[in-house]
Amino acid sequence: MKLLEGKVAVVTGAARGIGKAIALKFASEGADVAFTDLNIDDNAKATEAEIAAFGVRAKGYASNAANYDDTHNVVAEIMKDFGRIDILVNNAGITRDGLMMRMDEKQWDMVINVNLKSAFNFIHAVTPIMMRQKGGSIINMASVVGVSGNAGQSNYSASKAGMIGLAKSIAKELGSRGIRANAIAPGFIITDMTAQLTEEVRDAWAKLIPLRRGGTPEDVANVATFLASDLSSYVTGQVIHCCGGMNT
């Protein structure tokens, strides 16, 4: 039996990058997958087809995860289509980097809303569902900079630190109902965004990592699969660093 067979997963911001890798890995382990993105364009439709190719149900939903009403509406749609939600991965996120003295309010609010408020929105929407089911796994996508901080990323670091605190708090609130909540803190992961950096910058990053390489979205997806599955049935309120030893 596959690790996630019979489960329904919701992955936010999953049309590409880490979210897409998680959705595909979940599907390969037997989960039906509902995913969200701001727009369900041709790229998202292609992702939907890749997920479905594993022989599971798959559907992408257009949703502004930072909008409370929009989130509750899309969760209601997912329940209508899939009938249950066992796994929630709060992956939706953006960056708007800049030094604090030059950062404007819009840059701050946008990152906090998309990265952190979106997680509140989705957790708030799925909590009654998971409580009725007497179980579930919530996974917040944090970052190593949410633990250590990073110059020029005060908004992003704050949002990711918030994701960690949110997971720990939810773990305490909902543990008695069989609902687990954990966070993953990726380090330097090779995605479309980081691939745009110069080779010199990527090499400089690699020198800071004990394993001497950047991670892949699949590395993060493997950790998410562990946390989503019954292999981690006694793991909650934890932060798992997927960073090649970067934060040791």
C-alpha atoms as a PDB file:
ATOM      1  CA  MET A   1       0.000   0.000   0.000  1.00  0.00           C
ATOM      2  CA  LYS A   2       1.269   3.461  -0.866  1.00  0.00           C
ATOM      3  CA  LEU A   3       2.012   5.915   1.942  1.00  0.00           C
ATOM      4  CA  LEU A   4      -0.852   8.309   1.191  1.00  0.00           C
ATOM      5  CA  GLU A   5      -3.378   5.992  -0.420  1.00  0.00           C
ATOM      6  CA  GLY A   6      -6.954   6.993   0.357  1.00  0.00           C
ATOM      7  CA  LYS A   7      -5.992  10.488   1.496  1.00  0.00           C
ATOM      8  CA  VAL A   8      -6.909  13.844  -0.017  1.00  0.00           C
ATOM      9  CA  ALA A   9      -4.277  16.569   0.018  1.00  0.00           C
ATOM     10  CA  VAL A  10      -4.628  20.300  -0.523  1.00  0.00           C
ATOM     11  CA  VAL A  11      -1.445  22.085  -1.601  1.00  0.00           C
ATOM     12  CA  THR A  12      -1.486  25.862  -2.009  1.00  0.00           C
ATOM     13  CA  GLY A  13       0.630  27.644  -4.604  1.00  0.00           C
ATOM     14  CA  ALA A  14       1.372  24.363  -6.360  1.00  0.00           C
ATOM     15  CA  ALA A  15       1.419  25.180 -10.055  1.00  0.00           C
ATOM     16  CA  ARG A  16       5.213  25.237 -10.041  1.00  0.00           C
ATOM     17  CA  GLY A  17       8.330  24.913  -7.893  1.00  0.00           C
ATOM     18  CA  ILE A  18       8.284  23.301  -4.461  1.00  0.00           C
ATOM     19  CA  GLY A  19       4.502  23.157  -4.337  1.00  0.00           C
ATOM     20  CA  LYS A  20       4.325  21.287  -7.617  1.00  0.00           C
ATOM     21  CA  ALA A  21       7.011  18.828  -6.474  1.00  0.00           C
ATOM     22  CA  ILE A  22       5.023  18.154  -3.305  1.00  0.00           C
ATOM     23  CA  ALA A  23       1.790  17.636  -5.242  1.00  0.00           C
ATOM     24  CA  LEU A  24       3.481  15.194  -7.625  1.00  0.00           C
ATOM     25  CA  LYS A  25       5.154  13.272  -4.799  1.00  0.00           C
ATOM     26  CA  PHE A  26       1.869  13.001  -2.911  1.00  0.00           C
ATOM     27  CA  ALA A  27       0.185  11.712  -6.057  1.00  0.00           C
ATOM     28  CA  SER A  28       2.934   9.134  -6.580  1.00  0.00           C
ATOM     29  CA  GLU A  29       2.162   7.884  -3.067  1.00  0.00           C
ATOM     30  CA  GLY A  30      -1.531   7.509  -3.852  1.00  0.00           C
ATOM     31  CA  ALA A  31      -3.087  10.768  -2.629  1.00  0.00           C
ATOM     32  CA  ASP A  32      -5.793  12.606  -4.506  1.00  0.00           C
ATOM     33  CA  VAL A  33      -4.597  16.187  -4.890  1.00  0.00           C
ATOM     34  CA  ALA A  34      -6.402  19.508  -4.960  1.00  0.00           C
ATOM     35  CA  PHE A  35      -4.085  22.419  -5.507  1.00  0.00           C
ATOM     36  CA  THR A  36      -4.506  26.163  -5.673  1.00  0.00           C
ATOM     37  CA  ASP A  37      -2.800  28.968  -7.487  1.00  0.00           C
ATOM     38  CA  LEU A  38      -3.677  32.579  -8.167  1.00  0.00           C
ATOM     39  CA  ASN A  39      -4.671  31.667 -11.722  1.00  0.00           C
ATOM     40  CA  ILE A  40      -5.319  28.316 -13.347  1.00  0.00           C
ATOM     41  CA  ASP A  41      -3.508  29.045 -16.588  1.00  0.00           C
ATOM     42  CA  ASP A  42      -1.982  26.687 -19.149  1.00  0.00           C
ATOM     43  CA  ASN A  43       0.929  25.954 -16.806  1.00  0.00           C
ATOM     44  CA  ALA A  44      -1.432  25.029 -13.969  1.00  0.00           C
ATOM     45  CA  LYS A  45      -3.498  22.868 -16.318  1.00  0.00           C
ATOM     46  CA  ALA A  46      -0.306  21.045 -17.311  1.00  0.00           C
ATOM     47  CA  THR A  47       0.477  20.491 -13.625  1.00  0.00           C
ATOM     48  CA  GLU A  48      -3.017  19.104 -13.112  1.00  0.00           C
ATOM     49  CA  ALA A  49      -2.445  16.635 -15.945  1.00  0.00           C
ATOM     50  CA  GLU A  50       0.942  15.570 -14.513  1.00  0.00           C
ATOM     51  CA  ILE A  51      -0.658  14.866 -11.150  1.00  0.00           C
ATOM     52  CA  ALA A  52      -3.552  12.936 -12.689  1.00  0.00           C
ATOM     53  CA  ALA A  53      -1.076  10.802 -14.660  1.00  0.00           C
ATOM     54  CA  PHE A  54      -0.372   8.937 -11.408  1.00  0.00           C
ATOM     55  CA  GLY A  55      -3.908   7.567 -11.553  1.00  0.00           C
ATOM     56  CA  VAL A  56      -5.309   9.810  -8.822  1.00  0.00           C
ATOM     57  CA  ARG A  57      -7.925  12.536  -8.817  1.00  0.00           C
ATOM     58  CA  ALA A  58      -6.445  15.978  -9.422  1.00  0.00           C
ATOM     59  CA  LYS A  59      -7.901  19.439  -9.771  1.00  0.00           C
ATOM     60  CA  GLY A  60      -6.481  22.947  -9.729  1.00  0.00           C
ATOM     61  CA  TYR A  61      -8.455  25.844  -8.252  1.00  0.00           C
ATOM     62  CA  ALA A  62      -7.979  29.554  -8.846  1.00  0.00           C
ATOM     63  CA  SER A  63      -7.713  31.167  -5.417  1.00  0.00           C
ATOM     64  CA  ASN A  64      -6.205  34.214  -3.780  1.00  0.00           C
ATOM     65  CA  ALA A  65      -4.928  32.477  -0.666  1.00  0.00           C
ATOM     66  CA  ALA A  66      -4.457  35.821   1.082  1.00  0.00           C
ATOM     67  CA  ASN A  67      -8.205  36.508   0.872  1.00  0.00           C
ATOM     68  CA  TYR A  68     -10.241  35.034   3.741  1.00  0.00           C
ATOM     69  CA  ASP A  69     -13.574  34.687   1.922  1.00  0.00           C
ATOM     70  CA  ASP A  70     -11.936  33.385  -1.239  1.00  0.00           C
ATOM     71  CA  THR A  71     -10.146  30.700   0.772  1.00  0.00           C
ATOM     72  CA  HIS A  72     -13.261  29.495   2.569  1.00  0.00           C
ATOM     73  CA  ASN A  73     -15.118  29.360  -0.731  1.00  0.00           C
ATOM     74  CA  VAL A  74     -12.426  27.302  -2.443  1.00  0.00           C
ATOM     75  CA  VAL A  75     -12.235  24.874   0.497  1.00  0.00           C
ATOM     76  CA  ALA A  76     -15.997  24.405   0.193  1.00  0.00           C
ATOM     77  CA  GLU A  77     -15.510  23.663  -3.519  1.00  0.00           C
ATOM     78  CA  ILE A  78     -12.776  21.136  -2.740  1.00  0.00           C
ATOM     79  CA  MET A  79     -15.009  19.392  -0.209  1.00  0.00           C
ATOM     80  CA  LYS A  80     -17.798  19.227  -2.777  1.00  0.00           C
ATOM     81  CA  ASP A  81     -15.433  17.670  -5.325  1.00  0.00           C
ATOM     82  CA  PHE A  82     -13.320  15.413  -3.091  1.00  0.00           C
ATOM     83  CA  GLY A  83     -15.457  14.775  -0.007  1.00  0.00           C
ATOM     84  CA  ARG A  84     -12.677  15.103   2.572  1.00  0.00           C
ATOM     85  CA  ILE A  85      -9.363  16.824   3.340  1.00  0.00           C
ATOM     86  CA  ASP A  86      -6.657  14.871   5.167  1.00  0.00           C
ATOM     87  CA  ILE A  87      -3.561  16.935   4.398  1.00  0.00           C
ATOM     88  CA  LEU A  88      -3.031  20.673   4.057  1.00  0.00           C
ATOM     89  CA  VAL A  89       0.266  22.110   2.804  1.00  0.00           C
ATOM     90  CA  ASN A  90       0.497  25.881   3.183  1.00  0.00           C
ATOM     91  CA  ASN A  91       3.045  26.567   0.460  1.00  0.00           C
ATOM     92  CA  ALA A  92       1.791  29.782  -1.186  1.00  0.00           C
ATOM     93  CA  GLY A  93       4.466  32.438  -0.902  1.00  0.00           C
ATOM     94  CA  ILE A  94       6.242  35.394  -2.484  1.00  0.00           C
ATOM     95  CA  THR A  95       9.295  37.561  -1.855  1.00  0.00           C
ATOM     96  CA  ARG A  96       9.612  41.326  -2.025  1.00  0.00           C
ATOM     97  CA  ASP A  97      13.148  41.795  -0.727  1.00  0.00           C
ATOM     98  CA  GLY A  98      14.684  45.037   0.383  1.00  0.00           C
ATOM     99  CA  LEU A  99      16.475  46.674   3.265  1.00  0.00           C
ATOM    100  CA  MET A 100      14.170  47.840   6.054  1.00  0.00           C
ATOM    101  CA  MET A 101      14.976  51.530   5.565  1.00  0.00           C
ATOM    102  CA  ARG A 102      13.920  51.248   1.907  1.00  0.00           C
ATOM    103  CA  MET A 103      10.987  48.861   2.302  1.00  0.00           C
ATOM    104  CA  ASP A 104       7.561  50.396   1.860  1.00  0.00           C
ATOM    105  CA  GLU A 105       4.338  49.353   3.540  1.00  0.00           C
ATOM    106  CA  LYS A 106       3.042  47.644   0.414  1.00  0.00           C
ATOM    107  CA  GLN A 107       6.083  45.334   0.240  1.00  0.00           C
ATOM    108  CA  TRP A 108       5.627  44.420   3.896  1.00  0.00           C
ATOM    109  CA  ASP A 109       1.875  43.845   3.750  1.00  0.00           C
ATOM    110  CA  MET A 110       1.982  41.858   0.523  1.00  0.00           C
ATOM    111  CA  VAL A 111       4.517  39.336   1.845  1.00  0.00           C
ATOM    112  CA  ILE A 112       2.822  38.966   5.241  1.00  0.00           C
ATOM    113  CA  ASN A 113      -0.594  38.499   3.612  1.00  0.00           C
ATOM    114  CA  VAL A 114       0.460  35.991   0.947  1.00  0.00           C
ATOM    115  CA  ASN A 115       2.907  34.032   3.093  1.00  0.00           C
ATOM    116  CA  LEU A 116       1.338  34.097   6.565  1.00  0.00           C
ATOM    117  CA  LYS A 117      -2.282  35.243   6.452  1.00  0.00           C
ATOM    118  CA  SER A 118      -2.926  32.682   3.722  1.00  0.00           C
ATOM    119  CA  ALA A 119      -1.914  29.917   6.131  1.00  0.00           C
ATOM    120  CA  PHE A 120      -4.329  31.255   8.753  1.00  0.00           C
ATOM    121  CA  ASN A 121      -7.073  31.381   6.126  1.00  0.00           C
ATOM    122  CA  PHE A 122      -6.614  27.774   5.031  1.00  0.00           C
ATOM    123  CA  ILE A 123      -6.088  26.363   8.524  1.00  0.00           C
ATOM    124  CA  HIS A 124      -9.211  28.178   9.702  1.00  0.00           C
ATOM    125  CA  ALA A 125     -11.174  26.711   6.802  1.00  0.00           C
ATOM    126  CA  VAL A 126      -9.999  23.091   7.131  1.00  0.00           C
ATOM    127  CA  THR A 127      -9.966  22.799  10.933  1.00  0.00           C
ATOM    128  CA  PRO A 128     -13.690  21.935  11.286  1.00  0.00           C
ATOM    129  CA  ILE A 129     -13.327  19.370   8.506  1.00  0.00           C
ATOM    130  CA  MET A 130     -10.341  17.662  10.107  1.00  0.00           C
ATOM    131  CA  MET A 131     -12.007  17.775  13.524  1.00  0.00           C
ATOM    132  CA  ARG A 132     -15.040  15.934  12.149  1.00  0.00           C
ATOM    133  CA  GLN A 133     -12.682  13.387  10.566  1.00  0.00           C
ATOM    134  CA  LYS A 134     -10.781  13.091  13.878  1.00  0.00           C
ATOM    135  CA  GLY A 135      -7.426  13.563  12.185  1.00  0.00           C
ATOM    136  CA  GLY A 136      -5.294  15.404   9.693  1.00  0.00           C
ATOM    137  CA  SER A 137      -1.839  16.720   8.943  1.00  0.00           C
ATOM    138  CA  ILE A 138      -1.099  20.428   8.468  1.00  0.00           C
ATOM    139  CA  ILE A 139       2.285  21.371   7.000  1.00  0.00           C
ATOM    140  CA  ASN A 140       3.493  24.969   6.911  1.00  0.00           C
ATOM    141  CA  MET A 141       6.268  25.814   4.470  1.00  0.00           C
ATOM    142  CA  ALA A 142       8.660  27.995   6.473  1.00  0.00           C
ATOM    143  CA  SER A 143      12.336  28.743   5.720  1.00  0.00           C
ATOM    144  CA  VAL A 144      15.722  28.735   7.375  1.00  0.00           C
ATOM    145  CA  VAL A 145      15.538  32.538   7.377  1.00  0.00           C
ATOM    146  CA  GLY A 146      12.445  32.245   9.552  1.00  0.00           C
ATOM    147  CA  VAL A 147      14.784  30.793  12.165  1.00  0.00           C
ATOM    148  CA  SER A 148      17.999  32.747  11.588  1.00  0.00           C
ATOM    149  CA  GLY A 149      16.781  35.937   9.886  1.00  0.00           C
ATOM    150  CA  ASN A 150      18.416  37.483   6.830  1.00  0.00           C
ATOM    151  CA  ALA A 151      19.423  41.009   5.940  1.00  0.00           C
ATOM    152  CA  GLY A 152      17.214  42.430   3.226  1.00  0.00           C
ATOM    153  CA  GLN A 153      14.418  39.973   3.967  1.00  0.00           C
ATOM    154  CA  SER A 154      12.782  41.286   7.125  1.00  0.00           C
ATOM    155  CA  ASN A 155       9.296  40.855   5.684  1.00  0.00           C
ATOM    156  CA  TYR A 156       9.957  37.352   4.344  1.00  0.00           C
ATOM    157  CA  SER A 157      11.790  36.259   7.500  1.00  0.00           C
ATOM    158  CA  ALA A 158       8.982  37.559   9.705  1.00  0.00           C
ATOM    159  CA  SER A 159       6.368  35.751   7.638  1.00  0.00           C
ATOM    160  CA  LYS A 160       8.273  32.478   7.820  1.00  0.00           C
ATOM    161  CA  ALA A 161       8.939  32.819  11.548  1.00  0.00           C
ATOM    162  CA  GLY A 162       5.198  33.325  11.865  1.00  0.00           C
ATOM    163  CA  MET A 163       4.579  30.085   9.967  1.00  0.00           C
ATOM    164  CA  ILE A 164       6.672  28.262  12.556  1.00  0.00           C
ATOM    165  CA  GLY A 165       4.866  29.825  15.510  1.00  0.00           C
ATOM    166  CA  LEU A 166       1.526  29.122  13.867  1.00  0.00           C
ATOM    167  CA  ALA A 167       2.336  25.432  13.366  1.00  0.00           C
ATOM    168  CA  LYS A 168       3.518  25.047  16.965  1.00  0.00           C
ATOM    169  CA  SER A 169       0.399  26.740  18.318  1.00  0.00           C
ATOM    170  CA  ILE A 170      -1.986  24.718  16.161  1.00  0.00           C
ATOM    171  CA  ALA A 171      -0.211  21.533  17.247  1.00  0.00           C
ATOM    172  CA  LYS A 172      -1.033  22.370  20.870  1.00  0.00           C
ATOM    173  CA  GLU A 173      -4.613  23.394  20.105  1.00  0.00           C
ATOM    174  CA  LEU A 174      -5.607  20.481  17.902  1.00  0.00           C
ATOM    175  CA  GLY A 175      -3.429  17.582  19.028  1.00  0.00           C
ATOM    176  CA  SER A 176      -6.200  16.142  21.194  1.00  0.00           C
ATOM    177  CA  ARG A 177      -8.343  15.912  18.035  1.00  0.00           C
ATOM    178  CA  GLY A 178      -5.727  13.841  16.213  1.00  0.00           C
ATOM    179  CA  ILE A 179      -4.617  16.764  14.059  1.00  0.00           C
ATOM    180  CA  ARG A 180      -0.880  17.283  13.661  1.00  0.00           C
ATOM    181  CA  ALA A 181       0.846  20.502  12.580  1.00  0.00           C
ATOM    182  CA  ASN A 182       4.490  20.864  11.602  1.00  0.00           C
ATOM    183  CA  ALA A 183       6.716  23.195   9.607  1.00  0.00           C
ATOM    184  CA  ILE A 184       9.430  22.581   7.039  1.00  0.00           C
ATOM    185  CA  ALA A 185      12.319  25.044   6.846  1.00  0.00           C
ATOM    186  CA  PRO A 186      13.980  24.708   3.431  1.00  0.00           C
ATOM    187  CA  GLY A 187      17.380  26.237   2.829  1.00  0.00           C
ATOM    188  CA  PHE A 188      18.811  27.146  -0.559  1.00  0.00           C
ATOM    189  CA  ILE A 189      16.561  25.238  -2.968  1.00  0.00           C
ATOM    190  CA  ILE A 190      17.152  25.282  -6.722  1.00  0.00           C
ATOM    191  CA  THR A 191      13.922  26.571  -8.238  1.00  0.00           C
ATOM    192  CA  ASP A 192      13.087  28.752 -11.225  1.00  0.00           C
ATOM    193  CA  MET A 193      13.569  31.771  -8.977  1.00  0.00           C
ATOM    194  CA  THR A 194      16.990  30.816  -7.605  1.00  0.00           C
ATOM    195  CA  ALA A 195      18.093  29.533 -11.010  1.00  0.00           C
ATOM    196  CA  GLN A 196      18.057  33.145 -12.168  1.00  0.00           C
ATOM    197  CA  LEU A 197      20.929  33.966  -9.815  1.00  0.00           C
ATOM    198  CA  THR A 198      24.405  34.156 -11.277  1.00  0.00           C
ATOM    199  CA  GLU A 199      26.653  31.124 -11.086  1.00  0.00           C
ATOM    200  CA  GLU A 200      28.951  33.076  -8.757  1.00  0.00           C
ATOM    201  CA  VAL A 201      26.110  33.720  -6.311  1.00  0.00           C
ATOM    202  CA  ARG A 202      24.999  30.080  -6.411  1.00  0.00           C
ATOM    203  CA  ASP A 203      28.569  28.914  -5.805  1.00  0.00           C
ATOM    204  CA  ALA A 204      28.876  31.286  -2.856  1.00  0.00           C
ATOM    205  CA  TRP A 205      25.707  29.827  -1.363  1.00  0.00           C
ATOM    206  CA  ALA A 206      26.962  26.266  -1.876  1.00  0.00           C
ATOM    207  CA  LYS A 207      30.107  27.033   0.113  1.00  0.00           C
ATOM    208  CA  LEU A 208      27.928  27.849   3.129  1.00  0.00           C
ATOM    209  CA  ILE A 209      26.188  24.479   2.968  1.00  0.00           C
ATOM    210  CA  PRO A 210      27.890  21.435   4.562  1.00  0.00           C
ATOM    211  CA  LEU A 211      26.554  19.166   1.804  1.00  0.00           C
ATOM    212  CA  ARG A 212      28.026  21.626  -0.738  1.00  0.00           C
ATOM    213  CA  ARG A 213      24.944  21.789  -2.947  1.00  0.00           C
ATOM    214  CA  GLY A 214      21.593  23.432  -3.154  1.00  0.00           C
ATOM    215  CA  GLY A 215      18.548  21.335  -2.469  1.00  0.00           C
ATOM    216  CA  THR A 216      15.928  20.306  -4.994  1.00  0.00           C
ATOM    217  CA  PRO A 217      12.155  20.715  -4.751  1.00  0.00           C
ATOM    218  CA  GLU A 218      12.027  16.919  -4.549  1.00  0.00           C
ATOM    219  CA  ASP A 219      14.172  17.000  -1.395  1.00  0.00           C
ATOM    220  CA  VAL A 220      11.529  19.170   0.250  1.00  0.00           C
ATOM    221  CA  ALA A 221       8.712  17.031  -1.158  1.00  0.00           C
ATOM    222  CA  ASN A 222      10.209  13.949   0.490  1.00  0.00           C
ATOM    223  CA  VAL A 223      10.080  15.647   3.903  1.00  0.00           C
ATOM    224  CA  ALA A 224       6.517  16.783   3.259  1.00  0.00           C
ATOM    225  CA  THR A 225       5.525  13.216   2.375  1.00  0.00           C
ATOM    226  CA  PHE A 226       6.929  11.968   5.679  1.00  0.00           C
ATOM    227  CA  LEU A 227       4.961  14.601   7.606  1.00  0.00           C
ATOM    228  CA  ALA A 228       1.782  13.918   5.615  1.00  0.00           C
ATOM    229  CA  SER A 229       1.939  10.163   6.131  1.00  0.00           C
ATOM    230  CA  ASP A 230       1.348   7.911   9.109  1.00  0.00           C
ATOM    231  CA  LEU A 231       5.116   7.437   9.352  1.00  0.00           C
ATOM    232  CA  SER A 232       5.072  10.680  11.367  1.00  0.00           C
ATOM    233  CA  SER A 233       1.981   9.858  13.431  1.00  0.00           C
ATOM    234  CA  TYR A 234       3.795  10.878  16.664  1.00  0.00           C
ATOM    235  CA  VAL A 235       5.412  14.017  15.216  1.00  0.00           C
ATOM    236  CA  THR A 236       3.719  17.363  15.776  1.00  0.00           C
ATOM    237  CA  GLY A 237       4.745  20.912  16.633  1.00  0.00           C
ATOM    238  CA  GLN A 238       8.146  20.414  15.023  1.00  0.00           C
ATOM    239  CA  VAL A 239      10.299  22.298  12.527  1.00  0.00           C
ATOM    240  CA  ILE A 240      12.223  20.047  10.147  1.00  0.00           C
ATOM    241  CA  HIS A 241      15.145  21.757   8.472  1.00  0.00           C
ATOM    242  CA  CYS A 242      15.701  20.678   4.869  1.00  0.00           C
ATOM    243  CA  CYS A 243      18.819  22.714   4.265  1.00  0.00           C
ATOM    244  CA  GLY A 244      21.824  20.453   3.740  1.00  0.00           C
ATOM    245  CA  GLY A 245      23.116  21.405   7.187  1.00  0.00           C
ATOM    246  CA  MET A 246      22.980  25.137   6.475  1.00  0.00           C
ATOM    247  CA  ASN A 247      21.315  25.824   9.844  1.00  0.00           C
ATOM    248  CA  THR A 248      23.228  23.638  12.286  1.00  0.00           C
END
